[in-house]
Amino acid sequence: MAPKELAPTPLDFRFATKEDIPELISLLIDDELGRQRETVDPQSMQQYQKAFARMSAQPDNRILLGLDGHDIVGMLQLTIIHGLTHQGRPRAQIEGVRVKGDARGRGYGRQLFQKAFDIGKEQGCFMAQLTTDNRRPDAKRFYESLGFEATHHGMKRPL
């Protein structure tokens, strides 16, 4: 007989503050691709702090945190984008998704996304969108399990 799957611990949620930056960067590094592009050296920390300050100055651009007790176990950046397409309805852009390595597989990511969807709906968004790196097949499968579909071809260009 297979063991019963335990229900995930319900997470608490809050938006990140500047005091969370070191832990957020640790979450970004706790990933194969993140280790290649993020660092905790003092100069980079100043850049992260500047970026966070700019984000925080935009009322529709926040980092949503999932907490198990006092422990940050997941994060995502949620930006409400306003535009003229789709009759002027906003969309929810999701970026920088991470769940702590030792907390993966517990349903935390799904809870974090549900909270982001709820916030998007409260803000009048008609859709949530994201991109994922082609080198992350597990992430792609997870996003598909949440109902995301590859309806467009994303393109990027370095500046």
Protein backbone atom coordinates (compact mmCIF):
# COMPACT_ATOMS: atom_id res chain seq x y z
CA MET A 1 0.00 0.00 0.00
CA ALA A 2 1.41 3.41 -1.01
CA PRO A 3 1.89 5.95 1.79
CA LYS A 4 -0.71 8.70 2.02
CA GLU A 5 0.40 12.08 0.75
CA LEU A 6 0.25 14.66 3.47
CA ALA A 7 -1.66 17.85 2.80
CA PRO A 8 0.70 20.79 2.42
CA THR A 9 1.14 23.13 5.33
CA PRO A 10 -0.93 26.25 4.59
CA LEU A 11 1.38 29.17 3.92
CA ASP A 12 1.10 32.71 5.14
CA PHE A 13 1.79 35.48 2.63
CA ARG A 14 3.22 38.95 2.69
CA PHE A 15 5.06 41.29 0.38
CA ALA A 16 8.83 41.53 0.70
CA THR A 17 10.54 44.42 2.42
CA LYS A 18 14.09 45.69 1.97
CA GLU A 19 15.09 43.74 5.08
CA ASP A 20 14.29 40.52 3.16
CA ILE A 21 16.76 41.21 0.34
CA PRO A 22 19.61 38.96 1.59
CA GLU A 23 17.24 36.02 2.01
CA LEU A 24 15.64 36.67 -1.40
CA ILE A 25 19.04 36.63 -3.08
CA SER A 26 19.82 33.35 -1.29
CA LEU A 27 16.61 31.92 -2.75
CA LEU A 28 17.60 33.10 -6.23
CA ILE A 29 21.00 31.44 -5.83
CA ASP A 30 19.40 28.19 -4.57
CA ASP A 31 18.98 27.10 -8.16
CA GLU A 32 21.31 25.81 -10.87
CA LEU A 33 20.74 28.73 -13.24
CA GLY A 34 20.57 31.29 -10.44
CA ARG A 35 24.01 30.29 -9.18
CA GLN A 36 25.37 31.27 -12.59
CA ARG A 37 24.00 34.81 -12.54
CA GLU A 38 23.45 35.94 -8.94
CA THR A 39 26.01 36.73 -6.25
CA VAL A 40 26.14 38.08 -2.73
CA ASP A 41 29.24 40.26 -3.10
CA PRO A 42 28.87 43.78 -1.60
CA GLN A 43 28.65 45.58 -4.98
CA SER A 44 25.88 43.27 -6.17
CA MET A 45 24.00 43.70 -2.89
CA GLN A 46 23.97 47.45 -3.54
CA GLN A 47 22.51 46.78 -7.00
CA TYR A 48 19.84 44.49 -5.52
CA GLN A 49 18.94 47.18 -2.99
CA LYS A 50 18.63 49.83 -5.73
CA ALA A 51 16.48 47.48 -7.83
CA PHE A 52 14.25 46.71 -4.86
CA ALA A 53 13.82 50.41 -4.10
CA ARG A 54 12.78 51.07 -7.71
CA MET A 55 10.33 48.17 -7.65
CA SER A 56 8.88 49.33 -4.35
CA ALA A 57 8.27 52.80 -5.82
CA GLN A 58 5.91 51.19 -8.34
CA PRO A 59 2.63 50.31 -6.60
CA ASP A 60 1.89 47.40 -8.96
CA ASN A 61 5.30 45.70 -8.70
CA ARG A 62 5.90 43.55 -5.63
CA ILE A 63 7.63 40.38 -4.49
CA LEU A 64 5.15 38.02 -2.93
CA LEU A 65 6.53 35.76 -0.21
CA GLY A 66 5.21 32.42 0.99
CA LEU A 67 6.00 31.75 4.64
CA ASP A 68 5.92 28.56 6.65
CA GLY A 69 5.88 30.10 10.11
CA HIS A 70 8.65 32.70 10.00
CA ASP A 71 10.60 30.85 7.30
CA ILE A 72 10.44 32.26 3.75
CA VAL A 73 9.95 29.16 1.60
CA GLY A 74 8.97 30.76 -1.70
CA MET A 75 8.85 33.96 -3.66
CA LEU A 76 7.68 35.41 -6.93
CA GLN A 77 7.63 38.85 -8.45
CA LEU A 78 4.10 39.95 -9.30
CA THR A 79 3.68 42.95 -11.57
CA ILE A 80 0.29 44.23 -12.65
CA ILE A 81 0.73 45.55 -16.19
CA HIS A 82 -1.72 48.13 -17.45
CA GLY A 83 -2.16 48.56 -21.18
CA LEU A 84 -4.60 49.37 -23.91
CA THR A 85 -4.88 45.88 -25.40
CA HIS A 86 -7.72 43.60 -24.37
CA GLN A 87 -9.98 46.61 -23.84
CA GLY A 88 -7.62 48.18 -21.34
CA ARG A 89 -7.72 45.29 -18.90
CA PRO A 90 -4.55 44.65 -16.87
CA ARG A 91 -2.58 41.43 -16.78
CA ALA A 92 -0.51 39.83 -14.03
CA GLN A 93 3.13 39.22 -14.95
CA ILE A 94 4.91 36.63 -12.81
CA GLU A 95 8.72 36.49 -12.69
CA GLY A 96 11.52 35.28 -10.44
CA VAL A 97 9.68 32.27 -9.06
CA ARG A 98 11.60 30.28 -6.47
CA VAL A 99 10.78 27.72 -3.81
CA LYS A 100 13.50 26.87 -1.32
CA GLY A 101 15.32 23.72 -2.40
CA ASP A 102 14.54 21.71 0.71
CA ALA A 103 10.88 22.81 0.59
CA ARG A 104 10.12 21.75 -2.99
CA GLY A 105 7.48 19.12 -3.61
CA ARG A 106 5.33 20.18 -0.65
CA GLY A 107 2.73 22.20 -2.54
CA TYR A 108 4.20 25.57 -1.59
CA GLY A 109 4.65 26.71 -5.18
CA ARG A 110 1.03 25.93 -5.97
CA GLN A 111 -0.13 27.94 -2.94
CA LEU A 112 2.12 30.86 -3.89
CA PHE A 113 0.69 30.93 -7.41
CA GLN A 114 -2.89 30.70 -6.13
CA LYS A 115 -2.28 33.74 -3.95
CA ALA A 116 -0.78 35.60 -6.94
CA PHE A 117 -3.84 34.65 -9.04
CA ASP A 118 -6.15 35.90 -6.28
CA ILE A 119 -4.30 39.23 -6.10
CA GLY A 120 -4.42 39.52 -9.89
CA LYS A 121 -8.18 38.93 -9.90
CA GLU A 122 -8.63 41.54 -7.14
CA GLN A 123 -6.74 44.00 -9.37
CA GLY A 124 -9.01 43.24 -12.34
CA CYS A 125 -6.47 41.20 -14.32
CA PHE A 126 -7.86 39.02 -17.08
CA MET A 127 -4.80 36.79 -17.33
CA ALA A 128 -1.56 35.77 -15.67
CA GLN A 129 1.51 35.34 -17.82
CA LEU A 130 5.09 34.25 -17.32
CA THR A 131 8.12 33.08 -19.20
CA THR A 132 10.33 30.18 -18.23
CA ASP A 133 13.83 29.32 -19.31
CA ASN A 134 13.95 26.43 -21.79
CA ARG A 135 16.55 24.82 -19.53
CA ARG A 136 13.90 24.35 -16.82
CA PRO A 137 11.73 21.44 -18.02
CA ASP A 138 10.47 20.70 -14.48
CA ALA A 139 9.33 24.30 -14.09
CA LYS A 140 7.58 24.14 -17.46
CA ARG A 141 5.68 21.00 -16.38
CA PHE A 142 4.73 22.67 -13.09
CA TYR A 143 3.43 25.80 -14.86
CA GLU A 144 1.43 23.65 -17.26
CA SER A 145 -0.11 21.84 -14.27
CA LEU A 146 -1.31 25.27 -13.09
CA GLY A 147 -3.08 25.87 -16.41
CA PHE A 148 -0.44 27.91 -18.24
CA GLU A 149 -0.26 27.26 -21.97
CA ALA A 150 2.49 28.12 -24.44
CA THR A 151 0.30 30.32 -26.64
CA HIS A 152 3.03 32.74 -27.73
CA HIS A 153 6.67 32.47 -28.65
CA GLY A 154 8.75 34.52 -26.22
CA MET A 155 11.79 36.30 -27.52
CA LYS A 156 14.60 38.12 -25.72
CA ARG A 157 17.48 40.28 -26.87
CA PRO A 158 20.41 41.49 -24.80
CA LEU A 159 20.83 45.26 -24.57
